[in-house]
Amino acid sequence: MCDKDEVHFSPSESLCLQIMLEKEQSVYRKSCRHLNEGSDITTKDRMKIIDWCYRAVECLRFDTELVEEALEIGDRFMSRCVSTRSFTRSKYQVVLVASLYIAMKKSATGPDV
């Protein structure tokens, strides 16, 4: 399951992704400048890192809700940055991977934490 290229989401994960997308398009629209025009980061980039986060969480046997928490942490961090134009795709990946790590440490419910 961990080495598949395609990720198939459960109904609860699909619902979670749908809710997060709705939040991005409404509530976070003003604060998530890193997803707006002029940014190097596209929606496709965001979906790729979300897929990767879900695979990592599943492989490490953590609760998949940590991905949503990590995205909120990352979005809050990025929304506080003065200039989001300086965020490249690779910096965005680092921010979200660090956010996932923070969410995992915060939960401390993994198999070997």
PDB file of N, CA and C in Angstrom:
ATOM      1  N   MET A   1       0.813  -1.191   0.000  1.00  0.00           N
ATOM      2  CA  MET A   1       0.000   0.000   0.000  1.00  0.00           C
ATOM      3  C   MET A   1       0.862   1.262   0.000  1.00  0.00           C
ATOM      4  N   CYS A   2       2.005   1.230   0.613  1.00  0.00           N
ATOM      5  CA  CYS A   2       2.836   2.422   0.731  1.00  0.00           C
ATOM      6  C   CYS A   2       3.607   2.739  -0.543  1.00  0.00           C
ATOM      7  N   ASP A   3       3.767   1.790  -1.416  1.00  0.00           N
ATOM      8  CA  ASP A   3       4.583   2.042  -2.595  1.00  0.00           C
ATOM      9  C   ASP A   3       3.754   2.292  -3.858  1.00  0.00           C
ATOM     10  N   LYS A   4       2.452   2.464  -3.732  1.00  0.00           N
ATOM     11  CA  LYS A   4       1.613   2.739  -4.890  1.00  0.00           C
ATOM     12  C   LYS A   4       1.780   4.182  -5.326  1.00  0.00           C
ATOM     13  N   ASP A   5       1.684   4.387  -6.632  1.00  0.00           N
ATOM     14  CA  ASP A   5       1.755   5.740  -7.165  1.00  0.00           C
ATOM     15  C   ASP A   5       0.432   6.473  -7.002  1.00  0.00           C
ATOM     16  N   GLU A   6      -0.669   5.741  -7.075  1.00  0.00           N
ATOM     17  CA  GLU A   6      -1.975   6.359  -6.948  1.00  0.00           C
ATOM     18  C   GLU A   6      -2.495   6.155  -5.535  1.00  0.00           C
ATOM     19  N   VAL A   7      -3.184   7.172  -5.045  1.00  0.00           N
ATOM     20  CA  VAL A   7      -3.769   7.098  -3.721  1.00  0.00           C
ATOM     21  C   VAL A   7      -5.278   7.062  -3.871  1.00  0.00           C
ATOM     22  N   HIS A   8      -5.899   6.128  -3.205  1.00  0.00           N
ATOM     23  CA  HIS A   8      -7.350   6.035  -3.203  1.00  0.00           C
ATOM     24  C   HIS A   8      -7.818   6.386  -1.802  1.00  0.00           C
ATOM     25  N   PHE A   9      -8.630   7.426  -1.732  1.00  0.00           N
ATOM     26  CA  PHE A   9      -9.079   7.915  -0.443  1.00  0.00           C
ATOM     27  C   PHE A   9     -10.342   7.189  -0.007  1.00  0.00           C
ATOM     28  N   SER A  10     -10.450   6.973   1.301  1.00  0.00           N
ATOM     29  CA  SER A  10     -11.671   6.409   1.857  1.00  0.00           C
ATOM     30  C   SER A  10     -12.763   7.469   1.790  1.00  0.00           C
ATOM     31  N   PRO A  11     -14.018   7.089   1.977  1.00  0.00           N
ATOM     32  CA  PRO A  11     -15.088   8.100   1.959  1.00  0.00           C
ATOM     33  C   PRO A  11     -14.881   9.214   2.979  1.00  0.00           C
ATOM     34  N   SER A  12     -14.366   8.881   4.160  1.00  0.00           N
ATOM     35  CA  SER A  12     -14.153   9.921   5.177  1.00  0.00           C
ATOM     36  C   SER A  12     -13.011  10.851   4.773  1.00  0.00           C
ATOM     37  N   GLU A  13     -11.962  10.309   4.142  1.00  0.00           N
ATOM     38  CA  GLU A  13     -10.863  11.148   3.680  1.00  0.00           C
ATOM     39  C   GLU A  13     -11.312  12.041   2.519  1.00  0.00           C
ATOM     40  N   SER A  14     -12.145  11.498   1.633  1.00  0.00           N
ATOM     41  CA  SER A  14     -12.666  12.300   0.526  1.00  0.00           C
ATOM     42  C   SER A  14     -13.519  13.446   1.041  1.00  0.00           C
ATOM     43  N   LEU A  15     -14.341  13.164   2.054  1.00  0.00           N
ATOM     44  CA  LEU A  15     -15.164  14.208   2.660  1.00  0.00           C
ATOM     45  C   LEU A  15     -14.282  15.263   3.307  1.00  0.00           C
ATOM     46  N   CYS A  16     -13.234  14.825   3.989  1.00  0.00           N
ATOM     47  CA  CYS A  16     -12.293  15.749   4.632  1.00  0.00           C
ATOM     48  C   CYS A  16     -11.632  16.645   3.584  1.00  0.00           C
ATOM     49  N   LEU A  17     -11.192  16.069   2.478  1.00  0.00           N
ATOM     50  CA  LEU A  17     -10.579  16.851   1.398  1.00  0.00           C
ATOM     51  C   LEU A  17     -11.570  17.848   0.803  1.00  0.00           C
ATOM     52  N   GLN A  18     -12.822  17.423   0.656  1.00  0.00           N
ATOM     53  CA  GLN A  18     -13.840  18.312   0.113  1.00  0.00           C
ATOM     54  C   GLN A  18     -14.069  19.499   1.055  1.00  0.00           C
ATOM     55  N   ILE A  19     -14.127  19.244   2.352  1.00  0.00           N
ATOM     56  CA  ILE A  19     -14.314  20.315   3.334  1.00  0.00           C
ATOM     57  C   ILE A  19     -13.123  21.263   3.321  1.00  0.00           C
ATOM     58  N   MET A  20     -11.904  20.710   3.232  1.00  0.00           N
ATOM     59  CA  MET A  20     -10.712  21.550   3.191  1.00  0.00           C
ATOM     60  C   MET A  20     -10.703  22.411   1.933  1.00  0.00           C
ATOM     61  N   LEU A  21     -11.121  21.856   0.804  1.00  0.00           N
ATOM     62  CA  LEU A  21     -11.178  22.620  -0.437  1.00  0.00           C
ATOM     63  C   LEU A  21     -12.191  23.763  -0.322  1.00  0.00           C
ATOM     64  N   GLU A  22     -13.340  23.476   0.276  1.00  0.00           N
ATOM     65  CA  GLU A  22     -14.342  24.525   0.480  1.00  0.00           C
ATOM     66  C   GLU A  22     -13.802  25.629   1.386  1.00  0.00           C
ATOM     67  N   LYS A  23     -13.058  25.253   2.436  1.00  0.00           N
ATOM     68  CA  LYS A  23     -12.446  26.251   3.316  1.00  0.00           C
ATOM     69  C   LYS A  23     -11.456  27.109   2.543  1.00  0.00           C
ATOM     70  N   GLU A  24     -10.647  26.474   1.700  1.00  0.00           N
ATOM     71  CA  GLU A  24      -9.655  27.208   0.917  1.00  0.00           C
ATOM     72  C   GLU A  24     -10.313  28.212  -0.014  1.00  0.00           C
ATOM     73  N   GLN A  25     -11.447  27.840  -0.568  1.00  0.00           N
ATOM     74  CA  GLN A  25     -12.108  28.701  -1.528  1.00  0.00           C
ATOM     75  C   GLN A  25     -12.947  29.790  -0.871  1.00  0.00           C
ATOM     76  N   SER A  26     -13.236  29.653   0.414  1.00  0.00           N
ATOM     77  CA  SER A  26     -14.057  30.668   1.071  1.00  0.00           C
ATOM     78  C   SER A  26     -13.326  31.303   2.245  1.00  0.00           C
ATOM     79  N   VAL A  27     -13.183  30.598   3.337  1.00  0.00           N
ATOM     80  CA  VAL A  27     -12.625  31.151   4.574  1.00  0.00           C
ATOM     81  C   VAL A  27     -11.173  31.571   4.410  1.00  0.00           C
ATOM     82  N   TYR A  28     -10.338  30.698   3.826  1.00  0.00           N
ATOM     83  CA  TYR A  28      -8.914  30.967   3.723  1.00  0.00           C
ATOM     84  C   TYR A  28      -8.554  31.809   2.506  1.00  0.00           C
ATOM     85  N   ARG A  29      -9.502  32.109   1.660  1.00  0.00           N
ATOM     86  CA  ARG A  29      -9.214  32.793   0.400  1.00  0.00           C
ATOM     87  C   ARG A  29      -8.411  34.077   0.608  1.00  0.00           C
ATOM     88  N   LYS A  30      -8.775  34.825   1.629  1.00  0.00           N
ATOM     89  CA  LYS A  30      -8.105  36.094   1.876  1.00  0.00           C
ATOM     90  C   LYS A  30      -6.739  35.904   2.522  1.00  0.00           C
ATOM     91  N   SER A  31      -6.608  34.872   3.358  1.00  0.00           N
ATOM     92  CA  SER A  31      -5.355  34.716   4.088  1.00  0.00           C
ATOM     93  C   SER A  31      -4.355  33.800   3.393  1.00  0.00           C
ATOM     94  N   CYS A  32      -4.797  33.002   2.449  1.00  0.00           N
ATOM     95  CA  CYS A  32      -3.902  32.059   1.772  1.00  0.00           C
ATOM     96  C   CYS A  32      -3.411  32.650   0.461  1.00  0.00           C
ATOM     97  N   ARG A  33      -2.621  33.691   0.555  1.00  0.00           N
ATOM     98  CA  ARG A  33      -2.100  34.350  -0.635  1.00  0.00           C
ATOM     99  C   ARG A  33      -1.193  33.419  -1.428  1.00  0.00           C
ATOM    100  N   HIS A  34      -0.639  32.414  -0.768  1.00  0.00           N
ATOM    101  CA  HIS A  34       0.266  31.498  -1.452  1.00  0.00           C
ATOM    102  C   HIS A  34      -0.461  30.628  -2.481  1.00  0.00           C
ATOM    103  N   LEU A  35      -1.797  30.640  -2.479  1.00  0.00           N
ATOM    104  CA  LEU A  35      -2.565  29.873  -3.456  1.00  0.00           C
ATOM    105  C   LEU A  35      -3.167  30.763  -4.533  1.00  0.00           C
ATOM    106  N   ASN A  36      -2.951  32.045  -4.438  1.00  0.00           N
ATOM    107  CA  ASN A  36      -3.542  32.997  -5.388  1.00  0.00           C
ATOM    108  C   ASN A  36      -2.668  33.183  -6.610  1.00  0.00           C
ATOM    109  N   GLU A  37      -3.193  33.945  -7.569  1.00  0.00           N
ATOM    110  CA  GLU A  37      -2.437  34.229  -8.787  1.00  0.00           C
ATOM    111  C   GLU A  37      -1.139  34.952  -8.461  1.00  0.00           C
ATOM    112  N   GLY A  38      -0.149  34.734  -9.266  1.00  0.00           N
ATOM    113  CA  GLY A  38       1.142  35.368  -9.054  1.00  0.00           C
ATOM    114  C   GLY A  38       2.074  34.515  -8.218  1.00  0.00           C
ATOM    115  N   SER A  39       1.556  33.468  -7.633  1.00  0.00           N
ATOM    116  CA  SER A  39       2.363  32.581  -6.811  1.00  0.00           C
ATOM    117  C   SER A  39       2.895  31.441  -7.659  1.00  0.00           C
ATOM    118  N   ASP A  40       4.016  30.898  -7.244  1.00  0.00           N
ATOM    119  CA  ASP A  40       4.629  29.766  -7.934  1.00  0.00           C
ATOM    120  C   ASP A  40       3.903  28.464  -7.594  1.00  0.00           C
ATOM    121  N   ILE A  41       3.083  28.476  -6.559  1.00  0.00           N
ATOM    122  CA  ILE A  41       2.427  27.281  -6.049  1.00  0.00           C
ATOM    123  C   ILE A  41       1.039  27.152  -6.681  1.00  0.00           C
ATOM    124  N   THR A  42       0.777  26.011  -7.308  1.00  0.00           N
ATOM    125  CA  THR A  42      -0.503  25.785  -7.960  1.00  0.00           C
ATOM    126  C   THR A  42      -1.358  24.818  -7.145  1.00  0.00           C
ATOM    127  N   THR A  43      -2.607  24.725  -7.506  1.00  0.00           N
ATOM    128  CA  THR A  43      -3.508  23.768  -6.855  1.00  0.00           C
ATOM    129  C   THR A  43      -3.013  22.348  -7.088  1.00  0.00           C
ATOM    130  N   LYS A  44      -2.460  22.099  -8.273  1.00  0.00           N
ATOM    131  CA  LYS A  44      -1.913  20.766  -8.583  1.00  0.00           C
ATOM    132  C   LYS A  44      -0.748  20.437  -7.647  1.00  0.00           C
ATOM    133  N   ASP A  45       0.111  21.427  -7.372  1.00  0.00           N
ATOM    134  CA  ASP A  45       1.219  21.221  -6.434  1.00  0.00           C
ATOM    135  C   ASP A  45       0.682  20.865  -5.048  1.00  0.00           C
ATOM    136  N   ARG A  46      -0.349  21.589  -4.638  1.00  0.00           N
ATOM    137  CA  ARG A  46      -0.940  21.351  -3.325  1.00  0.00           C
ATOM    138  C   ARG A  46      -1.519  19.941  -3.243  1.00  0.00           C
ATOM    139  N   MET A  47      -2.216  19.501  -4.283  1.00  0.00           N
ATOM    140  CA  MET A  47      -2.800  18.161  -4.276  1.00  0.00           C
ATOM    141  C   MET A  47      -1.717  17.082  -4.237  1.00  0.00           C
ATOM    142  N   LYS A  48      -0.591  17.326  -4.913  1.00  0.00           N
ATOM    143  CA  LYS A  48       0.505  16.349  -4.877  1.00  0.00           C
ATOM    144  C   LYS A  48       1.058  16.188  -3.463  1.00  0.00           C
ATOM    145  N   ILE A  49       1.261  17.315  -2.774  1.00  0.00           N
ATOM    146  CA  ILE A  49       1.820  17.221  -1.429  1.00  0.00           C
ATOM    147  C   ILE A  49       0.793  16.641  -0.461  1.00  0.00           C
ATOM    148  N   ILE A  50      -0.493  16.914  -0.689  1.00  0.00           N
ATOM    149  CA  ILE A  50      -1.537  16.308   0.154  1.00  0.00           C
ATOM    150  C   ILE A  50      -1.547  14.803  -0.038  1.00  0.00           C
ATOM    151  N   ASP A  51      -1.463  14.342  -1.288  1.00  0.00           N
ATOM    152  CA  ASP A  51      -1.390  12.901  -1.560  1.00  0.00           C
ATOM    153  C   ASP A  51      -0.195  12.285  -0.850  1.00  0.00           C
ATOM    154  N   TRP A  52       0.961  12.944  -0.958  1.00  0.00           N
ATOM    155  CA  TRP A  52       2.166  12.430  -0.304  1.00  0.00           C
ATOM    156  C   TRP A  52       1.974  12.366   1.206  1.00  0.00           C
ATOM    157  N   CYS A  53       1.379  13.392   1.785  1.00  0.00           N
ATOM    158  CA  CYS A  53       1.151  13.412   3.241  1.00  0.00           C
ATOM    159  C   CYS A  53       0.265  12.251   3.670  1.00  0.00           C
ATOM    160  N   TYR A  54      -0.808  11.995   2.899  1.00  0.00           N
ATOM    161  CA  TYR A  54      -1.684  10.866   3.243  1.00  0.00           C
ATOM    162  C   TYR A  54      -0.943   9.541   3.160  1.00  0.00           C
ATOM    163  N   ARG A  55      -0.123   9.370   2.128  1.00  0.00           N
ATOM    164  CA  ARG A  55       0.656   8.123   2.019  1.00  0.00           C
ATOM    165  C   ARG A  55       1.626   7.968   3.182  1.00  0.00           C
ATOM    166  N   ALA A  56       2.299   9.069   3.545  1.00  0.00           N
ATOM    167  CA  ALA A  56       3.258   9.016   4.665  1.00  0.00           C
ATOM    168  C   ALA A  56       2.549   8.679   5.965  1.00  0.00           C
ATOM    169  N   VAL A  57       1.424   9.302   6.212  1.00  0.00           N
ATOM    170  CA  VAL A  57       0.673   9.069   7.448  1.00  0.00           C
ATOM    171  C   VAL A  57       0.183   7.624   7.508  1.00  0.00           C
ATOM    172  N   GLU A  58      -0.314   7.107   6.383  1.00  0.00           N
ATOM    173  CA  GLU A  58      -0.774   5.718   6.357  1.00  0.00           C
ATOM    174  C   GLU A  58       0.373   4.739   6.561  1.00  0.00           C
ATOM    175  N   CYS A  59       1.516   4.993   5.915  1.00  0.00           N
ATOM    176  CA  CYS A  59       2.679   4.106   6.065  1.00  0.00           C
ATOM    177  C   CYS A  59       3.208   4.098   7.506  1.00  0.00           C
ATOM    178  N   LEU A  60       3.115   5.235   8.166  1.00  0.00           N
ATOM    179  CA  LEU A  60       3.599   5.350   9.545  1.00  0.00           C
ATOM    180  C   LEU A  60       2.531   4.997  10.578  1.00  0.00           C
ATOM    181  N   ARG A  61       1.356   4.611  10.092  1.00  0.00           N
ATOM    182  CA  ARG A  61       0.239   4.189  10.929  1.00  0.00           C
ATOM    183  C   ARG A  61      -0.242   5.276  11.900  1.00  0.00           C
ATOM    184  N   PHE A  62      -0.256   6.510  11.419  1.00  0.00           N
ATOM    185  CA  PHE A  62      -0.836   7.618  12.181  1.00  0.00           C
ATOM    186  C   PHE A  62      -2.265   7.826  11.698  1.00  0.00           C
ATOM    187  N   ASP A  63      -3.022   8.571  12.469  1.00  0.00           N
ATOM    188  CA  ASP A  63      -4.389   8.919  12.093  1.00  0.00           C
ATOM    189  C   ASP A  63      -4.346   9.885  10.911  1.00  0.00           C
ATOM    190  N   THR A  64      -5.155   9.627   9.894  1.00  0.00           N
ATOM    191  CA  THR A  64      -5.134  10.461   8.691  1.00  0.00           C
ATOM    192  C   THR A  64      -5.652  11.886   8.945  1.00  0.00           C
ATOM    193  N   GLU A  65      -6.304  12.115  10.066  1.00  0.00           N
ATOM    194  CA  GLU A  65      -6.749  13.470  10.400  1.00  0.00           C
ATOM    195  C   GLU A  65      -5.565  14.420  10.606  1.00  0.00           C
ATOM    196  N   LEU A  66      -4.387  13.859  10.824  1.00  0.00           N
ATOM    197  CA  LEU A  66      -3.193  14.687  11.004  1.00  0.00           C
ATOM    198  C   LEU A  66      -2.863  15.485   9.744  1.00  0.00           C
ATOM    199  N   VAL A  67      -3.256  14.972   8.590  1.00  0.00           N
ATOM    200  CA  VAL A  67      -2.982  15.698   7.341  1.00  0.00           C
ATOM    201  C   VAL A  67      -3.750  17.023   7.335  1.00  0.00           C
ATOM    202  N   GLU A  68      -5.014  16.986   7.739  1.00  0.00           N
ATOM    203  CA  GLU A  68      -5.805  18.215   7.796  1.00  0.00           C
ATOM    204  C   GLU A  68      -5.195  19.200   8.787  1.00  0.00           C
ATOM    205  N   GLU A  69      -4.787  18.695   9.939  1.00  0.00           N
ATOM    206  CA  GLU A  69      -4.156  19.564  10.934  1.00  0.00           C
ATOM    207  C   GLU A  69      -2.852  20.163  10.398  1.00  0.00           C
ATOM    208  N   ALA A  70      -2.071  19.354   9.708  1.00  0.00           N
ATOM    209  CA  ALA A  70      -0.810  19.834   9.141  1.00  0.00           C
ATOM    210  C   ALA A  70      -1.064  20.926   8.101  1.00  0.00           C
ATOM    211  N   LEU A  71      -2.084  20.747   7.272  1.00  0.00           N
ATOM    212  CA  LEU A  71      -2.403  21.759   6.265  1.00  0.00           C
ATOM    213  C   LEU A  71      -2.848  23.066   6.913  1.00  0.00           C
ATOM    214  N   GLU A  72      -3.586  22.960   7.992  1.00  0.00           N
ATOM    215  CA  GLU A  72      -3.998  24.186   8.692  1.00  0.00           C
ATOM    216  C   GLU A  72      -2.791  24.889   9.308  1.00  0.00           C
ATOM    217  N   ILE A  73      -1.870  24.115   9.878  1.00  0.00           N
ATOM    218  CA  ILE A  73      -0.650  24.710  10.446  1.00  0.00           C
ATOM    219  C   ILE A  73       0.145  25.403   9.340  1.00  0.00           C
ATOM    220  N   GLY A  74       0.339  24.703   8.225  1.00  0.00           N
ATOM    221  CA  GLY A  74       1.093  25.275   7.113  1.00  0.00           C
ATOM    222  C   GLY A  74       0.432  26.504   6.522  1.00  0.00           C
ATOM    223  N   ASP A  75      -0.891  26.449   6.362  1.00  0.00           N
ATOM    224  CA  ASP A  75      -1.611  27.607   5.814  1.00  0.00           C
ATOM    225  C   ASP A  75      -1.529  28.809   6.751  1.00  0.00           C
ATOM    226  N   ARG A  76      -1.640  28.552   8.048  1.00  0.00           N
ATOM    227  CA  ARG A  76      -1.528  29.663   9.001  1.00  0.00           C
ATOM    228  C   ARG A  76      -0.142  30.286   8.944  1.00  0.00           C
ATOM    229  N   PHE A  77       0.886  29.446   8.851  1.00  0.00           N
ATOM    230  CA  PHE A  77       2.256  29.961   8.757  1.00  0.00           C
ATOM    231  C   PHE A  77       2.427  30.797   7.492  1.00  0.00           C
ATOM    232  N   MET A  78       1.997  30.242   6.368  1.00  0.00           N
ATOM    233  CA  MET A  78       2.182  30.932   5.091  1.00  0.00           C
ATOM    234  C   MET A  78       1.354  32.216   5.011  1.00  0.00           C
ATOM    235  N   SER A  79       0.198  32.241   5.668  1.00  0.00           N
ATOM    236  CA  SER A  79      -0.643  33.441   5.615  1.00  0.00           C
ATOM    237  C   SER A  79      -0.029  34.591   6.405  1.00  0.00           C
ATOM    238  N   ARG A  80       0.887  34.293   7.307  1.00  0.00           N
ATOM    239  CA  ARG A  80       1.533  35.331   8.111  1.00  0.00           C
ATOM    240  C   ARG A  80       2.777  35.905   7.430  1.00  0.00           C
ATOM    241  N   CYS A  81       3.214  35.264   6.371  1.00  0.00           N
ATOM    242  CA  CYS A  81       4.410  35.734   5.675  1.00  0.00           C
ATOM    243  C   CYS A  81       4.092  36.989   4.881  1.00  0.00           C
ATOM    244  N   VAL A  82       4.995  37.933   4.911  1.00  0.00           N
ATOM    245  CA  VAL A  82       4.795  39.205   4.235  1.00  0.00           C
ATOM    246  C   VAL A  82       4.760  39.016   2.728  1.00  0.00           C
ATOM    247  N   SER A  83       5.723  38.310   2.184  1.00  0.00           N
ATOM    248  CA  SER A  83       5.803  38.123   0.738  1.00  0.00           C
ATOM    249  C   SER A  83       5.713  36.640   0.411  1.00  0.00           C
ATOM    250  N   THR A  84       4.571  36.222  -0.122  1.00  0.00           N
ATOM    251  CA  THR A  84       4.425  34.813  -0.496  1.00  0.00           C
ATOM    252  C   THR A  84       5.021  34.534  -1.867  1.00  0.00           C
ATOM    253  N   ARG A  85       5.355  35.571  -2.620  1.00  0.00           N
ATOM    254  CA  ARG A  85       5.966  35.357  -3.940  1.00  0.00           C
ATOM    255  C   ARG A  85       7.344  34.701  -3.818  1.00  0.00           C
ATOM    256  N   SER A  86       7.962  34.834  -2.652  1.00  0.00           N
ATOM    257  CA  SER A  86       9.274  34.228  -2.462  1.00  0.00           C
ATOM    258  C   SER A  86       9.176  32.732  -2.173  1.00  0.00           C
ATOM    259  N   PHE A  87       7.959  32.215  -1.986  1.00  0.00           N
ATOM    260  CA  PHE A  87       7.791  30.795  -1.722  1.00  0.00           C
ATOM    261  C   PHE A  87       7.775  30.018  -3.025  1.00  0.00           C
ATOM    262  N   THR A  88       8.756  29.178  -3.189  1.00  0.00           N
ATOM    263  CA  THR A  88       8.811  28.298  -4.353  1.00  0.00           C
ATOM    264  C   THR A  88       8.114  26.995  -3.992  1.00  0.00           C
ATOM    265  N   ARG A  89       7.967  26.129  -4.957  1.00  0.00           N
ATOM    266  CA  ARG A  89       7.357  24.824  -4.689  1.00  0.00           C
ATOM    267  C   ARG A  89       8.151  24.050  -3.641  1.00  0.00           C
ATOM    268  N   SER A  90       9.465  24.093  -3.748  1.00  0.00           N
ATOM    269  CA  SER A  90      10.282  23.330  -2.795  1.00  0.00           C
ATOM    270  C   SER A  90      10.158  23.893  -1.383  1.00  0.00           C
ATOM    271  N   LYS A  91      10.083  25.217  -1.244  1.00  0.00           N
ATOM    272  CA  LYS A  91       9.885  25.805   0.086  1.00  0.00           C
ATOM    273  C   LYS A  91       8.506  25.446   0.629  1.00  0.00           C
ATOM    274  N   TYR A  92       7.517  25.412  -0.243  1.00  0.00           N
ATOM    275  CA  TYR A  92       6.169  25.043   0.158  1.00  0.00           C
ATOM    276  C   TYR A  92       6.145  23.599   0.663  1.00  0.00           C
ATOM    277  N   GLN A  93       6.854  22.718  -0.026  1.00  0.00           N
ATOM    278  CA  GLN A  93       6.944  21.324   0.417  1.00  0.00           C
ATOM    279  C   GLN A  93       7.581  21.233   1.790  1.00  0.00           C
ATOM    280  N   VAL A  94       8.656  21.990   2.007  1.00  0.00           N
ATOM    281  CA  VAL A  94       9.334  21.970   3.304  1.00  0.00           C
ATOM    282  C   VAL A  94       8.384  22.442   4.413  1.00  0.00           C
ATOM    283  N   VAL A  95       7.634  23.511   4.124  1.00  0.00           N
ATOM    284  CA  VAL A  95       6.687  24.033   5.116  1.00  0.00           C
ATOM    285  C   VAL A  95       5.645  22.969   5.467  1.00  0.00           C
ATOM    286  N   LEU A  96       5.084  22.302   4.467  1.00  0.00           N
ATOM    287  CA  LEU A  96       4.040  21.317   4.748  1.00  0.00           C
ATOM    288  C   LEU A  96       4.588  20.047   5.388  1.00  0.00           C
ATOM    289  N   VAL A  97       5.780  19.630   5.015  1.00  0.00           N
ATOM    290  CA  VAL A  97       6.377  18.454   5.661  1.00  0.00           C
ATOM    291  C   VAL A  97       6.699  18.780   7.122  1.00  0.00           C
ATOM    292  N   ALA A  98       7.222  19.972   7.378  1.00  0.00           N
ATOM    293  CA  ALA A  98       7.482  20.389   8.760  1.00  0.00           C
ATOM    294  C   ALA A  98       6.172  20.489   9.545  1.00  0.00           C
ATOM    295  N   SER A  99       5.124  20.971   8.887  1.00  0.00           N
ATOM    296  CA  SER A  99       3.812  21.060   9.540  1.00  0.00           C
ATOM    297  C   SER A  99       3.268  19.675   9.872  1.00  0.00           C
ATOM    298  N   LEU A 100       3.485  18.728   8.978  1.00  0.00           N
ATOM    299  CA  LEU A 100       3.058  17.352   9.242  1.00  0.00           C
ATOM    300  C   LEU A 100       3.835  16.773  10.418  1.00  0.00           C
ATOM    301  N   TYR A 101       5.117  17.037  10.469  1.00  0.00           N
ATOM    302  CA  TYR A 101       5.944  16.576  11.589  1.00  0.00           C
ATOM    303  C   TYR A 101       5.432  17.169  12.905  1.00  0.00           C
ATOM    304  N   ILE A 102       5.123  18.460  12.904  1.00  0.00           N
ATOM    305  CA  ILE A 102       4.600  19.115  14.110  1.00  0.00           C
ATOM    306  C   ILE A 102       3.277  18.475  14.527  1.00  0.00           C
ATOM    307  N   ALA A 103       2.394  18.236  13.562  1.00  0.00           N
ATOM    308  CA  ALA A 103       1.107  17.614  13.874  1.00  0.00           C
ATOM    309  C   ALA A 103       1.288  16.212  14.445  1.00  0.00           C
ATOM    310  N   MET A 104       2.253  15.460  13.897  1.00  0.00           N
ATOM    311  CA  MET A 104       2.522  14.107  14.422  1.00  0.00           C
ATOM    312  C   MET A 104       3.064  14.161  15.844  1.00  0.00           C
ATOM    313  N   LYS A 105       4.017  15.060  16.081  1.00  0.00           N
ATOM    314  CA  LYS A 105       4.593  15.179  17.420  1.00  0.00           C
ATOM    315  C   LYS A 105       3.540  15.655  18.420  1.00  0.00           C
ATOM    316  N   LYS A 106       2.680  16.556  17.958  1.00  0.00           N
ATOM    317  CA  LYS A 106       1.634  17.096  18.813  1.00  0.00           C
ATOM    318  C   LYS A 106       0.633  16.009  19.225  1.00  0.00           C
ATOM    319  N   SER A 107       0.349  15.108  18.298  1.00  0.00           N
ATOM    320  CA  SER A 107      -0.618  14.045  18.591  1.00  0.00           C
ATOM    321  C   SER A 107      -0.007  12.948  19.468  1.00  0.00           C
ATOM    322  N   ALA A 108       1.255  12.642  19.211  1.00  0.00           N
ATOM    323  CA  ALA A 108       1.990  11.613  19.971  1.00  0.00           C
ATOM    324  C   ALA A 108       1.189  10.329  20.136  1.00  0.00           C
ATOM    325  N   THR A 109       0.503   9.908  19.054  1.00  0.00           N
ATOM    326  CA  THR A 109      -0.276   8.689  19.119  1.00  0.00           C
ATOM    327  C   THR A 109       0.189   7.640  18.119  1.00  0.00           C
ATOM    328  N   GLY A 110       1.338   7.852  17.529  1.00  0.00           N
ATOM    329  CA  GLY A 110       1.865   6.911  16.550  1.00  0.00           C
ATOM    330  C   GLY A 110       2.337   5.636  17.220  1.00  0.00           C
ATOM    331  N   PRO A 111       2.748   4.639  16.436  1.00  0.00           N
ATOM    332  CA  PRO A 111       3.154   3.358  16.982  1.00  0.00           C
ATOM    333  C   PRO A 111       4.399   3.399  17.857  1.00  0.00           C
ATOM    334  N   ASP A 112       5.359   4.249  17.510  1.00  0.00           N
ATOM    335  CA  ASP A 112       6.630   4.244  18.248  1.00  0.00           C
ATOM    336  C   ASP A 112       7.004   5.616  18.792  1.00  0.00           C
ATOM    337  N   VAL A 113       6.006   6.395  19.165  1.00  0.00           N
ATOM    338  CA  VAL A 113       6.302   7.754  19.663  1.00  0.00           C
ATOM    339  C   VAL A 113       6.644   7.696  21.127  1.00  0.00           C
TER     340      VAL A 113
END
